[in-house]
Amino acid sequence: MEFCAEHVRQAADGSHLIDPLLDVVHIGEKWFDIKKVGQNVSSLTGKDDVLTAESPVYYAQSKRHLIKVMFLSAVACPVGD
């Protein structure tokens, strides 16, 4: 609520003006597990990411050994100079 209140200004005629937020970048992050406990995962190796016979298979028996990946996203309005 405080963030929104900082971007509202009083106009000369008494009305309110809202800042268009063209200079703000919104960043979000989310953590994902590559797989769940008890699932087999085959990785794509070789030419053109084709599953080959010697592709390694990963298996985790414990939650402590899961591989985590962070997905980071940023959203902003395009501004021309």
C-alpha atoms as a PDB file:
ATOM      1  CA  MET A   1       0.000   0.000   0.000  1.00  0.00           C
ATOM      2  CA  GLU A   2       2.865   2.344   0.794  1.00  0.00           C
ATOM      3  CA  PHE A   3       4.410   1.713  -2.649  1.00  0.00           C
ATOM      4  CA  CYS A   4       1.150   2.747  -4.347  1.00  0.00           C
ATOM      5  CA  ALA A   5       0.757   5.863  -2.213  1.00  0.00           C
ATOM      6  CA  GLU A   6       4.265   7.044  -3.130  1.00  0.00           C
ATOM      7  CA  HIS A   7       3.362   7.090  -6.836  1.00  0.00           C
ATOM      8  CA  VAL A   8       0.203   9.232  -6.597  1.00  0.00           C
ATOM      9  CA  ARG A   9       0.645  13.007  -6.921  1.00  0.00           C
ATOM     10  CA  GLN A  10      -1.694  15.935  -6.412  1.00  0.00           C
ATOM     11  CA  ALA A  11      -2.399  17.957  -9.586  1.00  0.00           C
ATOM     12  CA  ALA A  12      -2.853  21.743  -9.671  1.00  0.00           C
ATOM     13  CA  ASP A  13      -6.628  21.415 -10.092  1.00  0.00           C
ATOM     14  CA  GLY A  14      -6.950  19.117  -7.061  1.00  0.00           C
ATOM     15  CA  SER A  15      -7.199  15.850  -8.950  1.00  0.00           C
ATOM     16  CA  HIS A  16      -4.792  12.969  -8.496  1.00  0.00           C
ATOM     17  CA  LEU A  17      -2.149  11.907 -11.022  1.00  0.00           C
ATOM     18  CA  ILE A  18      -0.740   8.388 -11.027  1.00  0.00           C
ATOM     19  CA  ASP A  19       2.903   7.905 -12.020  1.00  0.00           C
ATOM     20  CA  PRO A  20       3.066   5.659 -15.143  1.00  0.00           C
ATOM     21  CA  LEU A  21       6.023   3.719 -13.600  1.00  0.00           C
ATOM     22  CA  LEU A  22       8.046   3.732 -16.824  1.00  0.00           C
ATOM     23  CA  ASP A  23      11.313   3.643 -14.876  1.00  0.00           C
ATOM     24  CA  VAL A  24      10.458   0.621 -12.692  1.00  0.00           C
ATOM     25  CA  VAL A  25      11.536  -2.976 -13.296  1.00  0.00           C
ATOM     26  CA  HIS A  26       9.565  -5.733 -11.568  1.00  0.00           C
ATOM     27  CA  ILE A  27      11.687  -8.774 -10.697  1.00  0.00           C
ATOM     28  CA  GLY A  28      10.320 -12.155  -9.637  1.00  0.00           C
ATOM     29  CA  GLU A  29      12.025 -15.390  -8.718  1.00  0.00           C
ATOM     30  CA  LYS A  30      10.745 -18.917  -8.230  1.00  0.00           C
ATOM     31  CA  TRP A  31      12.571 -22.078  -7.136  1.00  0.00           C
ATOM     32  CA  PHE A  32      11.770 -25.400  -8.807  1.00  0.00           C
ATOM     33  CA  ASP A  33      12.912 -28.959  -8.146  1.00  0.00           C
ATOM     34  CA  ILE A  34      14.161 -30.660 -11.297  1.00  0.00           C
ATOM     35  CA  LYS A  35      12.360 -33.822 -10.234  1.00  0.00           C
ATOM     36  CA  LYS A  36      10.482 -35.275  -7.289  1.00  0.00           C
ATOM     37  CA  VAL A  37      11.617 -38.020  -4.942  1.00  0.00           C
ATOM     38  CA  GLY A  38      11.283 -41.481  -6.487  1.00  0.00           C
ATOM     39  CA  GLN A  39      11.183 -40.362 -10.130  1.00  0.00           C
ATOM     40  CA  ASN A  40      13.701 -41.359 -12.782  1.00  0.00           C
ATOM     41  CA  VAL A  41      15.031 -38.653 -15.079  1.00  0.00           C
ATOM     42  CA  SER A  42      16.880 -39.220 -18.351  1.00  0.00           C
ATOM     43  CA  SER A  43      19.000 -36.325 -19.551  1.00  0.00           C
ATOM     44  CA  LEU A  44      19.259 -35.462 -23.214  1.00  0.00           C
ATOM     45  CA  THR A  45      22.806 -35.807 -24.463  1.00  0.00           C
ATOM     46  CA  GLY A  46      24.328 -36.254 -27.845  1.00  0.00           C
ATOM     47  CA  LYS A  47      23.690 -34.541 -31.132  1.00  0.00           C
ATOM     48  CA  ASP A  48      20.567 -32.365 -31.423  1.00  0.00           C
ATOM     49  CA  ASP A  49      19.477 -33.291 -27.864  1.00  0.00           C
ATOM     50  CA  VAL A  50      18.423 -36.793 -28.900  1.00  0.00           C
ATOM     51  CA  LEU A  51      18.069 -39.380 -26.131  1.00  0.00           C
ATOM     52  CA  THR A  52      20.925 -41.832 -26.644  1.00  0.00           C
ATOM     53  CA  ALA A  53      21.445 -45.323 -25.207  1.00  0.00           C
ATOM     54  CA  GLU A  54      24.263 -44.178 -22.924  1.00  0.00           C
ATOM     55  CA  SER A  55      22.335 -41.233 -21.451  1.00  0.00           C
ATOM     56  CA  PRO A  56      22.684 -41.134 -17.670  1.00  0.00           C
ATOM     57  CA  VAL A  57      19.618 -41.769 -15.530  1.00  0.00           C
ATOM     58  CA  TYR A  58      19.380 -39.829 -12.280  1.00  0.00           C
ATOM     59  CA  TYR A  59      17.466 -41.184  -9.293  1.00  0.00           C
ATOM     60  CA  ALA A  60      17.082 -39.528  -5.890  1.00  0.00           C
ATOM     61  CA  GLN A  61      15.966 -41.441  -2.818  1.00  0.00           C
ATOM     62  CA  SER A  62      16.109 -38.477  -0.468  1.00  0.00           C
ATOM     63  CA  LYS A  63      14.693 -34.972  -0.574  1.00  0.00           C
ATOM     64  CA  ARG A  64      18.102 -33.642   0.479  1.00  0.00           C
ATOM     65  CA  HIS A  65      19.672 -34.698  -2.832  1.00  0.00           C
ATOM     66  CA  LEU A  66      17.277 -32.979  -5.240  1.00  0.00           C
ATOM     67  CA  ILE A  67      18.665 -30.468  -7.717  1.00  0.00           C
ATOM     68  CA  LYS A  68      17.065 -27.022  -7.459  1.00  0.00           C
ATOM     69  CA  VAL A  69      16.799 -24.469 -10.244  1.00  0.00           C
ATOM     70  CA  MET A  70      15.865 -20.803  -9.918  1.00  0.00           C
ATOM     71  CA  PHE A  71      13.727 -19.136 -12.592  1.00  0.00           C
ATOM     72  CA  LEU A  72      14.267 -15.378 -12.612  1.00  0.00           C
ATOM     73  CA  SER A  73      12.045 -13.014 -14.575  1.00  0.00           C
ATOM     74  CA  ALA A  74      12.098  -9.259 -15.087  1.00  0.00           C
ATOM     75  CA  VAL A  75       9.299  -7.152 -16.575  1.00  0.00           C
ATOM     76  CA  ALA A  76       9.564  -3.508 -17.617  1.00  0.00           C
ATOM     77  CA  CYS A  77       7.973  -1.093 -20.051  1.00  0.00           C
ATOM     78  CA  PRO A  78      10.017  -0.365 -23.179  1.00  0.00           C
ATOM     79  CA  VAL A  79      11.164   3.251 -23.253  1.00  0.00           C
ATOM     80  CA  GLY A  80      12.612   4.866 -26.371  1.00  0.00           C
ATOM     81  CA  ASP A  81      15.406   7.394 -26.065  1.00  0.00           C
END
